[in-house]
């Protein structure tokens, strides 16, 4: 492997030399280990508990300030929106909404989606 960003193919895995390797030459590159460790320390937004009774928390640590959160029901109707969030924990109360599946998305200050998912309200 070259440090210039050029990928060098080391081997093709086929029926003769291991079709589904668990460990091989491709993993033994020390220069990637440092980069992968840095990436694995990045925190992404998470929602809990799930399922919930309409009251839940979105943990926003690890994203930039001035983010926003939107929540939609399965019909695509926006049931919650909060922008310019600059703190790491957002407690939300949707207990007035009916039971069902809901979709959420967290966006950064540029409007790019940094996290999305679904959750269930069960009362």
PDB file of N, CA and C in Angstrom:
ATOM      1  N   UNK A   1       0.842  -1.179   0.000  1.00  0.00           N
ATOM      2  CA  UNK A   1       0.000   0.000   0.000  1.00  0.00           C
ATOM      3  C   UNK A   1       0.881   1.232   0.000  1.00  0.00           C
ATOM      4  N   UNK A   2       0.500   2.183  -0.757  1.00  0.00           N
ATOM      5  CA  UNK A   2       1.238   3.431  -0.860  1.00  0.00           C
ATOM      6  C   UNK A   2       0.584   4.482   0.026  1.00  0.00           C
ATOM      7  N   UNK A   3       1.366   5.358   0.627  1.00  0.00           N
ATOM      8  CA  UNK A   3       0.811   6.423   1.455  1.00  0.00           C
ATOM      9  C   UNK A   3       0.262   7.565   0.619  1.00  0.00           C
ATOM     10  N   UNK A   4       0.392   7.476  -0.692  1.00  0.00           N
ATOM     11  CA  UNK A   4      -0.099   8.534  -1.571  1.00  0.00           C
ATOM     12  C   UNK A   4      -1.596   8.432  -1.804  1.00  0.00           C
ATOM     13  N   UNK A   5      -2.239   7.435  -1.239  1.00  0.00           N
ATOM     14  CA  UNK A   5      -3.667   7.250  -1.430  1.00  0.00           C
ATOM     15  C   UNK A   5      -3.985   6.255  -2.525  1.00  0.00           C
ATOM     16  N   UNK A   6      -2.980   5.668  -3.126  1.00  0.00           N
ATOM     17  CA  UNK A   6      -3.167   4.674  -4.172  1.00  0.00           C
ATOM     18  C   UNK A   6      -3.333   3.306  -3.531  1.00  0.00           C
ATOM     19  N   UNK A   7      -4.350   2.606  -3.933  1.00  0.00           N
ATOM     20  CA  UNK A   7      -4.624   1.273  -3.404  1.00  0.00           C
ATOM     21  C   UNK A   7      -3.932   0.237  -4.274  1.00  0.00           C
ATOM     22  N   UNK A   8      -3.208  -0.668  -3.637  1.00  0.00           N
ATOM     23  CA  UNK A   8      -2.543  -1.755  -4.347  1.00  0.00           C
ATOM     24  C   UNK A   8      -3.216  -3.056  -3.959  1.00  0.00           C
ATOM     25  N   UNK A   9      -3.789  -3.747  -4.927  1.00  0.00           N
ATOM     26  CA  UNK A   9      -4.474  -5.010  -4.666  1.00  0.00           C
ATOM     27  C   UNK A   9      -3.439  -6.078  -4.353  1.00  0.00           C
ATOM     28  N   UNK A  10      -3.572  -6.733  -3.192  1.00  0.00           N
ATOM     29  CA  UNK A  10      -2.622  -7.749  -2.772  1.00  0.00           C
ATOM     30  C   UNK A  10      -3.032  -9.145  -3.196  1.00  0.00           C
ATOM     31  N   UNK A  11      -4.319  -9.416  -3.211  1.00  0.00           N
ATOM     32  CA  UNK A  11      -4.745 -10.774  -3.479  1.00  0.00           C
ATOM     33  C   UNK A  11      -6.218 -10.797  -3.865  1.00  0.00           C
ATOM     34  N   UNK A  12      -6.602 -11.767  -4.672  1.00  0.00           N
ATOM     35  CA  UNK A  12      -7.998 -12.078  -4.937  1.00  0.00           C
ATOM     36  C   UNK A  12      -8.337 -13.314  -4.125  1.00  0.00           C
ATOM     37  N   UNK A  13      -9.420 -13.283  -3.404  1.00  0.00           N
ATOM     38  CA  UNK A  13      -9.839 -14.446  -2.641  1.00  0.00           C
ATOM     39  C   UNK A  13     -10.874 -15.199  -3.462  1.00  0.00           C
ATOM     40  N   UNK A  14     -10.569 -16.445  -3.752  1.00  0.00           N
ATOM     41  CA  UNK A  14     -11.483 -17.282  -4.516  1.00  0.00           C
ATOM     42  C   UNK A  14     -11.529 -18.659  -3.876  1.00  0.00           C
ATOM     43  N   UNK A  15     -12.120 -19.625  -4.549  1.00  0.00           N
ATOM     44  CA  UNK A  15     -12.243 -20.971  -4.000  1.00  0.00           C
ATOM     45  C   UNK A  15     -10.921 -21.659  -3.731  1.00  0.00           C
ATOM     46  N   UNK A  16      -9.835 -21.245  -4.407  1.00  0.00           N
ATOM     47  CA  UNK A  16      -8.537 -21.890  -4.238  1.00  0.00           C
ATOM     48  C   UNK A  16      -7.784 -21.396  -3.011  1.00  0.00           C
ATOM     49  N   UNK A  17      -7.966 -20.147  -2.623  1.00  0.00           N
ATOM     50  CA  UNK A  17      -7.169 -19.600  -1.519  1.00  0.00           C
ATOM     51  C   UNK A  17      -8.009 -18.986  -0.402  1.00  0.00           C
ATOM     52  N   UNK A  18      -9.248 -19.335  -0.299  1.00  0.00           N
ATOM     53  CA  UNK A  18     -10.081 -18.838   0.790  1.00  0.00           C
ATOM     54  C   UNK A  18     -11.123 -17.870   0.288  1.00  0.00           C
ATOM     55  N   UNK A  19     -12.334 -18.318   0.143  1.00  0.00           N
ATOM     56  CA  UNK A  19     -13.384 -17.497  -0.435  1.00  0.00           C
ATOM     57  C   UNK A  19     -13.880 -16.431   0.526  1.00  0.00           C
ATOM     58  N   UNK A  20     -13.927 -16.716   1.806  1.00  0.00           N
ATOM     59  CA  UNK A  20     -14.414 -15.772   2.817  1.00  0.00           C
ATOM     60  C   UNK A  20     -13.397 -15.680   3.948  1.00  0.00           C
ATOM     61  N   UNK A  21     -12.295 -14.988   3.736  1.00  0.00           N
ATOM     62  CA  UNK A  21     -11.262 -14.953   4.778  1.00  0.00           C
ATOM     63  C   UNK A  21     -11.713 -14.154   5.989  1.00  0.00           C
ATOM     64  N   UNK A  22     -11.323 -14.603   7.161  1.00  0.00           N
ATOM     65  CA  UNK A  22     -11.594 -13.858   8.384  1.00  0.00           C
ATOM     66  C   UNK A  22     -10.446 -12.937   8.722  1.00  0.00           C
ATOM     67  N   UNK A  23      -9.254 -13.271   8.250  1.00  0.00           N
ATOM     68  CA  UNK A  23      -8.082 -12.469   8.540  1.00  0.00           C
ATOM     69  C   UNK A  23      -7.122 -12.626   7.370  1.00  0.00           C
ATOM     70  N   UNK A  24      -6.555 -11.556   6.913  1.00  0.00           N
ATOM     71  CA  UNK A  24      -5.663 -11.665   5.773  1.00  0.00           C
ATOM     72  C   UNK A  24      -4.736 -10.484   5.660  1.00  0.00           C
ATOM     73  N   UNK A  25      -3.991 -10.463   4.593  1.00  0.00           N
ATOM     74  CA  UNK A  25      -2.997  -9.426   4.359  1.00  0.00           C
ATOM     75  C   UNK A  25      -3.601  -8.030   4.361  1.00  0.00           C
ATOM     76  N   UNK A  26      -4.843  -7.910   3.918  1.00  0.00           N
ATOM     77  CA  UNK A  26      -5.458  -6.590   3.796  1.00  0.00           C
ATOM     78  C   UNK A  26      -5.641  -5.911   5.152  1.00  0.00           C
ATOM     79  N   UNK A  27      -5.715  -6.654   6.228  1.00  0.00           N
ATOM     80  CA  UNK A  27      -5.971  -6.082   7.545  1.00  0.00           C
ATOM     81  C   UNK A  27      -4.673  -5.710   8.260  1.00  0.00           C
ATOM     82  N   UNK A  28      -3.554  -6.197   7.791  1.00  0.00           N
ATOM     83  CA  UNK A  28      -2.288  -6.055   8.493  1.00  0.00           C
ATOM     84  C   UNK A  28      -1.540  -4.760   8.174  1.00  0.00           C
ATOM     85  N   UNK A  29      -2.244  -3.700   7.832  1.00  0.00           N
ATOM     86  CA  UNK A  29      -1.598  -2.439   7.461  1.00  0.00           C
ATOM     87  C   UNK A  29      -1.606  -1.528   8.681  1.00  0.00           C
ATOM     88  N   UNK A  30      -0.430  -1.290   9.262  1.00  0.00           N
ATOM     89  CA  UNK A  30      -0.322  -0.475  10.466  1.00  0.00           C
ATOM     90  C   UNK A  30      -0.749   0.964  10.247  1.00  0.00           C
ATOM     91  N   UNK A  31      -0.503   1.517   9.064  1.00  0.00           N
ATOM     92  CA  UNK A  31      -0.832   2.919   8.822  1.00  0.00           C
ATOM     93  C   UNK A  31      -2.336   3.164   8.902  1.00  0.00           C
ATOM     94  N   UNK A  32      -3.153   2.130   8.657  1.00  0.00           N
ATOM     95  CA  UNK A  32      -4.604   2.305   8.755  1.00  0.00           C
ATOM     96  C   UNK A  32      -5.097   2.227  10.188  1.00  0.00           C
ATOM     97  N   UNK A  33      -4.379   1.527  11.047  1.00  0.00           N
ATOM     98  CA  UNK A  33      -4.837   1.315  12.415  1.00  0.00           C
ATOM     99  C   UNK A  33      -5.085   2.631  13.130  1.00  0.00           C
ATOM    100  N   UNK A  34      -4.167   3.578  13.023  1.00  0.00           N
ATOM    101  CA  UNK A  34      -4.331   4.863  13.697  1.00  0.00           C
ATOM    102  C   UNK A  34      -5.561   5.588  13.189  1.00  0.00           C
ATOM    103  N   UNK A  35      -5.762   5.617  11.886  1.00  0.00           N
ATOM    104  CA  UNK A  35      -6.913   6.305  11.316  1.00  0.00           C
ATOM    105  C   UNK A  35      -8.214   5.655  11.746  1.00  0.00           C
ATOM    106  N   UNK A  36      -8.264   4.322  11.747  1.00  0.00           N
ATOM    107  CA  UNK A  36      -9.485   3.631  12.154  1.00  0.00           C
ATOM    108  C   UNK A  36      -9.796   3.872  13.617  1.00  0.00           C
ATOM    109  N   UNK A  37      -8.777   3.943  14.473  1.00  0.00           N
ATOM    110  CA  UNK A  37      -9.017   4.222  15.883  1.00  0.00           C
ATOM    111  C   UNK A  37      -9.613   5.606  16.060  1.00  0.00           C
ATOM    112  N   UNK A  38      -9.159   6.584  15.307  1.00  0.00           N
ATOM    113  CA  UNK A  38      -9.713   7.931  15.403  1.00  0.00           C
ATOM    114  C   UNK A  38     -11.168   7.953  14.974  1.00  0.00           C
ATOM    115  N   UNK A  39     -11.491   7.243  13.897  1.00  0.00           N
ATOM    116  CA  UNK A  39     -12.862   7.209  13.413  1.00  0.00           C
ATOM    117  C   UNK A  39     -13.774   6.537  14.428  1.00  0.00           C
ATOM    118  N   UNK A  40     -13.333   5.475  15.079  1.00  0.00           N
ATOM    119  CA  UNK A  40     -14.192   4.743  16.002  1.00  0.00           C
ATOM    120  C   UNK A  40     -14.506   5.541  17.262  1.00  0.00           C
ATOM    121  N   UNK A  41     -13.755   6.592  17.546  1.00  0.00           N
ATOM    122  CA  UNK A  41     -14.024   7.413  18.721  1.00  0.00           C
ATOM    123  C   UNK A  41     -15.063   8.500  18.460  1.00  0.00           C
ATOM    124  N   UNK A  42     -15.513   8.648  17.227  1.00  0.00           N
ATOM    125  CA  UNK A  42     -16.507   9.668  16.894  1.00  0.00           C
ATOM    126  C   UNK A  42     -17.853   9.227  17.456  1.00  0.00           C
ATOM    127  N   UNK A  43     -18.525  10.125  18.151  1.00  0.00           N
ATOM    128  CA  UNK A  43     -19.836   9.814  18.710  1.00  0.00           C
ATOM    129  C   UNK A  43     -20.914  10.251  17.733  1.00  0.00           C
ATOM    130  N   UNK A  44     -21.939   9.433  17.594  1.00  0.00           N
ATOM    131  CA  UNK A  44     -23.055   9.782  16.731  1.00  0.00           C
ATOM    132  C   UNK A  44     -24.294   9.950  17.592  1.00  0.00           C
ATOM    133  N   UNK A  45     -25.243  10.749  17.134  1.00  0.00           N
ATOM    134  CA  UNK A  45     -26.477  10.933  17.907  1.00  0.00           C
ATOM    135  C   UNK A  45     -27.202   9.610  18.127  1.00  0.00           C
ATOM    136  N   UNK A  46     -27.857   9.499  19.275  1.00  0.00           N
ATOM    137  CA  UNK A  46     -28.627   8.294  19.572  1.00  0.00           C
ATOM    138  C   UNK A  46     -29.906   8.684  20.297  1.00  0.00           C
ATOM    139  N   UNK A  47     -30.939   7.860  20.139  1.00  0.00           N
ATOM    140  CA  UNK A  47     -32.248   8.100  20.745  1.00  0.00           C
ATOM    141  C   UNK A  47     -32.534   6.964  21.717  1.00  0.00           C
ATOM    142  N   UNK A  48     -32.998   7.314  22.916  1.00  0.00           N
ATOM    143  CA  UNK A  48     -33.328   6.293  23.912  1.00  0.00           C
ATOM    144  C   UNK A  48     -34.368   6.830  24.874  1.00  0.00           C
ATOM    145  N   UNK A  49     -35.170   5.979  25.518  1.00  0.00           N
ATOM    146  CA  UNK A  49     -35.333   4.552  25.235  1.00  0.00           C
ATOM    147  C   UNK A  49     -36.125   4.342  23.955  1.00  0.00           C
ATOM    148  N   UNK A  50     -36.019   3.180  23.415  1.00  0.00           N
ATOM    149  CA  UNK A  50     -36.759   2.829  22.213  1.00  0.00           C
ATOM    150  C   UNK A  50     -37.127   1.351  22.305  1.00  0.00           C
ATOM    151  N   UNK A  51     -38.404   1.022  22.396  1.00  0.00           N
ATOM    152  CA  UNK A  51     -39.585   1.881  22.339  1.00  0.00           C
ATOM    153  C   UNK A  51     -39.733   2.737  23.596  1.00  0.00           C
ATOM    154  N   UNK A  52     -40.617   3.746  23.505  1.00  0.00           N
ATOM    155  CA  UNK A  52     -40.849   4.642  24.633  1.00  0.00           C
ATOM    156  C   UNK A  52     -42.324   5.008  24.705  1.00  0.00           C
ATOM    157  N   UNK A  53     -42.692   5.768  25.738  1.00  0.00           N
ATOM    158  CA  UNK A  53     -44.090   6.169  25.939  1.00  0.00           C
ATOM    159  C   UNK A  53     -44.373   7.559  25.365  1.00  0.00           C
ATOM    160  N   UNK A  54     -43.480   8.056  24.546  1.00  0.00           N
ATOM    161  CA  UNK A  54     -43.614   9.400  23.980  1.00  0.00           C
ATOM    162  C   UNK A  54     -42.634  10.376  24.598  1.00  0.00           C
ATOM    163  N   UNK A  55     -42.000   9.965  25.675  1.00  0.00           N
ATOM    164  CA  UNK A  55     -40.962  10.782  26.310  1.00  0.00           C
ATOM    165  C   UNK A  55     -39.632  10.068  26.126  1.00  0.00           C
ATOM    166  N   UNK A  56     -38.671  10.764  25.509  1.00  0.00           N
ATOM    167  CA  UNK A  56     -37.391  10.149  25.189  1.00  0.00           C
ATOM    168  C   UNK A  56     -36.318  11.227  25.092  1.00  0.00           C
ATOM    169  N   UNK A  57     -35.088  10.775  24.927  1.00  0.00           N
ATOM    170  CA  UNK A  57     -33.932  11.662  24.864  1.00  0.00           C
ATOM    171  C   UNK A  57     -33.157  11.373  23.595  1.00  0.00           C
ATOM    172  N   UNK A  58     -32.683  12.439  22.962  1.00  0.00           N
ATOM    173  CA  UNK A  58     -31.735  12.291  21.867  1.00  0.00           C
ATOM    174  C   UNK A  58     -30.404  12.830  22.355  1.00  0.00           C
ATOM    175  N   UNK A  59     -29.415  11.960  22.376  1.00  0.00           N
ATOM    176  CA  UNK A  59     -28.061  12.332  22.794  1.00  0.00           C
ATOM    177  C   UNK A  59     -27.358  12.898  21.573  1.00  0.00           C
ATOM    178  N   UNK A  60     -26.978  14.173  21.629  1.00  0.00           N
ATOM    179  CA  UNK A  60     -26.412  14.854  20.471  1.00  0.00           C
ATOM    180  C   UNK A  60     -24.914  15.074  20.573  1.00  0.00           C
ATOM    181  N   UNK A  61     -24.251  14.534  21.580  1.00  0.00           N
ATOM    182  CA  UNK A  61     -22.821  14.778  21.725  1.00  0.00           C
ATOM    183  C   UNK A  61     -22.082  14.256  20.508  1.00  0.00           C
ATOM    184  N   UNK A  62     -21.058  14.972  20.114  1.00  0.00           N
ATOM    185  CA  UNK A  62     -20.264  14.573  18.970  1.00  0.00           C
ATOM    186  C   UNK A  62     -20.657  15.257  17.682  1.00  0.00           C
ATOM    187  N   UNK A  63     -21.720  16.052  17.690  1.00  0.00           N
ATOM    188  CA  UNK A  63     -22.057  16.805  16.481  1.00  0.00           C
ATOM    189  C   UNK A  63     -21.846  18.282  16.752  1.00  0.00           C
ATOM    190  N   UNK A  64     -21.776  19.028  15.690  1.00  0.00           N
ATOM    191  CA  UNK A  64     -21.493  20.452  15.822  1.00  0.00           C
ATOM    192  C   UNK A  64     -22.670  21.193  16.440  1.00  0.00           C
ATOM    193  N   UNK A  65     -22.383  22.357  16.977  1.00  0.00           N
ATOM    194  CA  UNK A  65     -23.450  23.176  17.538  1.00  0.00           C
ATOM    195  C   UNK A  65     -24.338  23.683  16.410  1.00  0.00           C
ATOM    196  N   UNK A  66     -25.452  24.245  16.776  1.00  0.00           N
ATOM    197  CA  UNK A  66     -26.427  24.763  15.823  1.00  0.00           C
ATOM    198  C   UNK A  66     -27.037  23.673  14.952  1.00  0.00           C
ATOM    199  N   UNK A  67     -27.214  22.490  15.521  1.00  0.00           N
ATOM    200  CA  UNK A  67     -27.853  21.399  14.794  1.00  0.00           C
ATOM    201  C   UNK A  67     -29.366  21.503  14.934  1.00  0.00           C
ATOM    202  N   UNK A  68     -30.091  20.659  14.222  1.00  0.00           N
ATOM    203  CA  UNK A  68     -31.544  20.653  14.321  1.00  0.00           C
ATOM    204  C   UNK A  68     -32.058  19.214  14.291  1.00  0.00           C
ATOM    205  N   UNK A  69     -33.263  19.035  14.838  1.00  0.00           N
ATOM    206  CA  UNK A  69     -33.891  17.719  14.916  1.00  0.00           C
ATOM    207  C   UNK A  69     -35.304  17.842  14.355  1.00  0.00           C
ATOM    208  N   UNK A  70     -35.687  16.877  13.531  1.00  0.00           N
ATOM    209  CA  UNK A  70     -37.050  16.799  13.011  1.00  0.00           C
ATOM    210  C   UNK A  70     -37.572  15.389  13.236  1.00  0.00           C
ATOM    211  N   UNK A  71     -38.865  15.295  13.568  1.00  0.00           N
ATOM    212  CA  UNK A  71     -39.506  13.995  13.778  1.00  0.00           C
ATOM    213  C   UNK A  71     -40.781  13.954  12.935  1.00  0.00           C
ATOM    214  N   UNK A  72     -40.981  12.822  12.245  1.00  0.00           N
ATOM    215  CA  UNK A  72     -42.116  12.630  11.361  1.00  0.00           C
ATOM    216  C   UNK A  72     -42.868  11.358  11.737  1.00  0.00           C
ATOM    217  N   UNK A  73     -44.185  11.378  11.527  1.00  0.00           N
ATOM    218  CA  UNK A  73     -44.941  10.138  11.686  1.00  0.00           C
ATOM    219  C   UNK A  73     -44.823   9.343  10.391  1.00  0.00           C
ATOM    220  N   UNK A  74     -45.414   8.143  10.349  1.00  0.00           N
ATOM    221  CA  UNK A  74     -45.261   7.291   9.171  1.00  0.00           C
ATOM    222  C   UNK A  74     -46.001   7.832   7.952  1.00  0.00           C
ATOM    223  N   UNK A  75     -46.868   8.818   8.138  1.00  0.00           N
ATOM    224  CA  UNK A  75     -47.549   9.451   7.012  1.00  0.00           C
ATOM    225  C   UNK A  75     -46.703  10.571   6.403  1.00  0.00           C
ATOM    226  N   UNK A  76     -45.540  10.841   7.021  1.00  0.00           N
ATOM    227  CA  UNK A  76     -44.665  11.895   6.516  1.00  0.00           C
ATOM    228  C   UNK A  76     -44.970  13.264   7.075  1.00  0.00           C
ATOM    229  N   UNK A  77     -45.856  13.332   8.072  1.00  0.00           N
ATOM    230  CA  UNK A  77     -46.200  14.615   8.685  1.00  0.00           C
ATOM    231  C   UNK A  77     -45.189  14.954   9.770  1.00  0.00           C
ATOM    232  N   UNK A  78     -44.683  16.183   9.735  1.00  0.00           N
ATOM    233  CA  UNK A  78     -43.725  16.610  10.755  1.00  0.00           C
ATOM    234  C   UNK A  78     -44.484  16.842  12.057  1.00  0.00           C
ATOM    235  N   UNK A  79     -44.071  16.127  13.128  1.00  0.00           N
ATOM    236  CA  UNK A  79     -44.739  16.256  14.424  1.00  0.00           C
ATOM    237  C   UNK A  79     -43.866  16.994  15.441  1.00  0.00           C
ATOM    238  N   UNK A  80     -42.579  17.216  15.091  1.00  0.00           N
ATOM    239  CA  UNK A  80     -41.673  17.923  16.000  1.00  0.00           C
ATOM    240  C   UNK A  80     -40.529  18.501  15.184  1.00  0.00           C
ATOM    241  N   UNK A  81     -40.121  19.708  15.570  1.00  0.00           N
ATOM    242  CA  UNK A  81     -38.958  20.323  14.939  1.00  0.00           C
ATOM    243  C   UNK A  81     -38.316  21.272  15.943  1.00  0.00           C
ATOM    244  N   UNK A  82     -37.020  21.191  16.053  1.00  0.00           N
ATOM    245  CA  UNK A  82     -36.273  22.121  16.913  1.00  0.00           C
ATOM    246  C   UNK A  82     -34.975  22.429  16.204  1.00  0.00           C
ATOM    247  N   UNK A  83     -34.663  23.713  16.051  1.00  0.00           N
ATOM    248  CA  UNK A  83     -33.423  24.098  15.381  1.00  0.00           C
ATOM    249  C   UNK A  83     -32.544  24.905  16.326  1.00  0.00           C
ATOM    250  N   UNK A  84     -31.335  25.153  15.880  1.00  0.00           N
ATOM    251  CA  UNK A  84     -30.333  25.892  16.657  1.00  0.00           C
ATOM    252  C   UNK A  84     -30.074  25.261  18.019  1.00  0.00           C
ATOM    253  N   UNK A  85     -29.976  23.945  18.026  1.00  0.00           N
ATOM    254  CA  UNK A  85     -29.678  23.216  19.261  1.00  0.00           C
ATOM    255  C   UNK A  85     -28.178  23.272  19.475  1.00  0.00           C
ATOM    256  N   UNK A  86     -27.766  23.777  20.612  1.00  0.00           N
ATOM    257  CA  UNK A  86     -26.327  23.852  20.879  1.00  0.00           C
ATOM    258  C   UNK A  86     -25.980  23.207  22.215  1.00  0.00           C
ATOM    259  N   UNK A  87     -26.703  22.169  22.579  1.00  0.00           N
ATOM    260  CA  UNK A  87     -26.402  21.403  23.787  1.00  0.00           C
ATOM    261  C   UNK A  87     -26.416  19.931  23.436  1.00  0.00           C
ATOM    262  N   UNK A  88     -25.896  19.101  24.319  1.00  0.00           N
ATOM    263  CA  UNK A  88     -25.637  17.712  23.962  1.00  0.00           C
ATOM    264  C   UNK A  88     -26.797  16.756  24.218  1.00  0.00           C
ATOM    265  N   UNK A  89     -27.808  17.160  24.968  1.00  0.00           N
ATOM    266  CA  UNK A  89     -28.931  16.269  25.261  1.00  0.00           C
ATOM    267  C   UNK A  89     -30.237  17.002  25.028  1.00  0.00           C
ATOM    268  N   UNK A  90     -31.127  16.396  24.260  1.00  0.00           N
ATOM    269  CA  UNK A  90     -32.432  16.984  23.977  1.00  0.00           C
ATOM    270  C   UNK A  90     -33.508  16.039  24.475  1.00  0.00           C
ATOM    271  N   UNK A  91     -34.272  16.478  25.464  1.00  0.00           N
ATOM    272  CA  UNK A  91     -35.389  15.681  25.980  1.00  0.00           C
ATOM    273  C   UNK A  91     -36.652  16.110  25.231  1.00  0.00           C
ATOM    274  N   UNK A  92     -37.370  15.135  24.709  1.00  0.00           N
ATOM    275  CA  UNK A  92     -38.547  15.404  23.884  1.00  0.00           C
ATOM    276  C   UNK A  92     -39.756  14.714  24.488  1.00  0.00           C
ATOM    277  N   UNK A  93     -40.891  15.414  24.472  1.00  0.00           N
ATOM    278  CA  UNK A  93     -42.147  14.856  24.973  1.00  0.00           C
ATOM    279  C   UNK A  93     -43.164  14.844  23.836  1.00  0.00           C
ATOM    280  N   UNK A  94     -43.419  13.675  23.296  1.00  0.00           N
ATOM    281  CA  UNK A  94     -44.445  13.495  22.269  1.00  0.00           C
ATOM    282  C   UNK A  94     -45.562  12.611  22.803  1.00  0.00           C
ATOM    283  N   UNK A  95     -45.801  12.673  24.101  1.00  0.00           N
ATOM    284  CA  UNK A  95     -46.810  11.802  24.711  1.00  0.00           C
ATOM    285  C   UNK A  95     -48.209  12.090  24.181  1.00  0.00           C
ATOM    286  N   UNK A  96     -48.412  13.224  23.543  1.00  0.00           N
ATOM    287  CA  UNK A  96     -49.707  13.536  22.935  1.00  0.00           C
ATOM    288  C   UNK A  96     -49.894  12.879  21.573  1.00  0.00           C
ATOM    289  N   UNK A  97     -48.848  12.279  21.044  1.00  0.00           N
ATOM    290  CA  UNK A  97     -48.939  11.599  19.748  1.00  0.00           C
ATOM    291  C   UNK A  97     -49.434  10.161  19.947  1.00  0.00           C
ATOM    292  N   UNK A  98     -50.106   9.611  18.941  1.00  0.00           N
ATOM    293  CA  UNK A  98     -50.601   8.228  19.072  1.00  0.00           C
ATOM    294  C   UNK A  98     -49.465   7.200  18.989  1.00  0.00           C
ATOM    295  N   UNK A  99     -49.762   5.988  19.443  1.00  0.00           N
ATOM    296  CA  UNK A  99     -48.812   4.880  19.302  1.00  0.00           C
ATOM    297  C   UNK A  99     -48.437   4.707  17.842  1.00  0.00           C
ATOM    298  N   UNK A 100     -47.221   4.281  17.607  1.00  0.00           N
ATOM    299  CA  UNK A 100     -46.815   4.018  16.236  1.00  0.00           C
ATOM    300  C   UNK A 100     -45.322   4.168  16.033  1.00  0.00           C
ATOM    301  N   UNK A 101     -44.921   4.063  14.787  1.00  0.00           N
ATOM    302  CA  UNK A 101     -43.527   4.198  14.389  1.00  0.00           C
ATOM    303  C   UNK A 101     -43.297   5.636  13.927  1.00  0.00           C
ATOM    304  N   UNK A 102     -42.183   6.206  14.362  1.00  0.00           N
ATOM    305  CA  UNK A 102     -41.814   7.579  14.010  1.00  0.00           C
ATOM    306  C   UNK A 102     -40.392   7.592  13.461  1.00  0.00           C
ATOM    307  N   UNK A 103     -40.115   8.551  12.617  1.00  0.00           N
ATOM    308  CA  UNK A 103     -38.803   8.712  12.013  1.00  0.00           C
ATOM    309  C   UNK A 103     -38.182  10.009  12.515  1.00  0.00           C
ATOM    310  N   UNK A 104     -36.898   9.977  12.804  1.00  0.00           N
ATOM    311  CA  UNK A 104     -36.214  11.199  13.229  1.00  0.00           C
ATOM    312  C   UNK A 104     -34.982  11.419  12.380  1.00  0.00           C
ATOM    313  N   UNK A 105     -34.573  12.679  12.289  1.00  0.00           N
ATOM    314  CA  UNK A 105     -33.309  12.999  11.646  1.00  0.00           C
ATOM    315  C   UNK A 105     -32.665  14.171  12.354  1.00  0.00           C
ATOM    316  N   UNK A 106     -31.351  14.098  12.458  1.00  0.00           N
ATOM    317  CA  UNK A 106     -30.543  15.142  13.076  1.00  0.00           C
ATOM    318  C   UNK A 106     -29.693  15.740  11.968  1.00  0.00           C
ATOM    319  N   UNK A 107     -29.732  17.064  11.853  1.00  0.00           N
ATOM    320  CA  UNK A 107     -28.988  17.748  10.794  1.00  0.00           C
ATOM    321  C   UNK A 107     -28.007  18.737  11.390  1.00  0.00           C
ATOM    322  N   UNK A 108     -26.885  18.922  10.702  1.00  0.00           N
ATOM    323  CA  UNK A 108     -25.908  19.906  11.157  1.00  0.00           C
ATOM    324  C   UNK A 108     -26.314  21.298  10.678  1.00  0.00           C
ATOM    325  N   UNK A 109     -25.480  22.287  10.960  1.00  0.00           N
ATOM    326  CA  UNK A 109     -25.829  23.667  10.639  1.00  0.00           C
ATOM    327  C   UNK A 109     -25.947  23.921   9.140  1.00  0.00           C
ATOM    328  N   UNK A 110     -25.404  23.041   8.311  1.00  0.00           N
ATOM    329  CA  UNK A 110     -25.506  23.182   6.851  1.00  0.00           C
ATOM    330  C   UNK A 110     -26.721  22.464   6.282  1.00  0.00           C
ATOM    331  N   UNK A 111     -27.510  21.821   7.146  1.00  0.00           N
ATOM    332  CA  UNK A 111     -28.682  21.089   6.687  1.00  0.00           C
ATOM    333  C   UNK A 111     -28.393  19.671   6.239  1.00  0.00           C
ATOM    334  N   UNK A 112     -27.158  19.215   6.425  1.00  0.00           N
ATOM    335  CA  UNK A 112     -26.807  17.841   6.069  1.00  0.00           C
ATOM    336  C   UNK A 112     -27.243  16.892   7.177  1.00  0.00           C
ATOM    337  N   UNK A 113     -27.855  15.781   6.808  1.00  0.00           N
ATOM    338  CA  UNK A 113     -28.301  14.790   7.785  1.00  0.00           C
ATOM    339  C   UNK A 113     -27.073  14.061   8.331  1.00  0.00           C
ATOM    340  N   UNK A 114     -26.894  14.115   9.654  1.00  0.00           N
ATOM    341  CA  UNK A 114     -25.778  13.425  10.297  1.00  0.00           C
ATOM    342  C   UNK A 114     -26.229  12.140  10.983  1.00  0.00           C
ATOM    343  N   UNK A 115     -27.520  12.011  11.209  1.00  0.00           N
ATOM    344  CA  UNK A 115     -28.048  10.795  11.817  1.00  0.00           C
ATOM    345  C   UNK A 115     -29.539  10.731  11.539  1.00  0.00           C
ATOM    346  N   UNK A 116     -30.057   9.515  11.385  1.00  0.00           N
ATOM    347  CA  UNK A 116     -31.495   9.334  11.270  1.00  0.00           C
ATOM    348  C   UNK A 116     -31.838   7.946  11.763  1.00  0.00           C
ATOM    349  N   UNK A 117     -33.102   7.756  12.031  1.00  0.00           N
ATOM    350  CA  UNK A 117     -33.517   6.459  12.526  1.00  0.00           C
ATOM    351  C   UNK A 117     -35.010   6.436  12.768  1.00  0.00           C
ATOM    352  N   UNK A 118     -35.453   5.372  13.398  1.00  0.00           N
ATOM    353  CA  UNK A 118     -36.866   5.260  13.726  1.00  0.00           C
ATOM    354  C   UNK A 118     -37.009   4.810  15.166  1.00  0.00           C
ATOM    355  N   UNK A 119     -38.154   5.113  15.719  1.00  0.00           N
ATOM    356  CA  UNK A 119     -38.453   4.696  17.085  1.00  0.00           C
ATOM    357  C   UNK A 119     -39.941   4.424  17.181  1.00  0.00           C
ATOM    358  N   UNK A 120     -40.325   3.779  18.276  1.00  0.00           N
ATOM    359  CA  UNK A 120     -41.709   3.373  18.478  1.00  0.00           C
ATOM    360  C   UNK A 120     -42.246   4.013  19.748  1.00  0.00           C
ATOM    361  N   UNK A 121     -43.461   4.575  19.634  1.00  0.00           N
ATOM    362  CA  UNK A 121     -44.193   5.047  20.820  1.00  0.00           C
ATOM    363  C   UNK A 121     -45.224   3.980  21.158  1.00  0.00           C
ATOM    364  N   UNK A 122     -45.135   3.455  22.386  1.00  0.00           N
ATOM    365  CA  UNK A 122     -46.086   2.467  22.914  1.00  0.00           C
ATOM    366  C   UNK A 122     -46.527   2.951  24.279  1.00  0.00           C
ATOM    367  N   UNK A 123     -47.815   3.127  24.465  1.00  0.00           N
ATOM    368  CA  UNK A 123     -48.308   3.570  25.770  1.00  0.00           C
ATOM    369  C   UNK A 123     -49.095   2.466  26.430  1.00  0.00           C
TER     370      UNK A 123
END
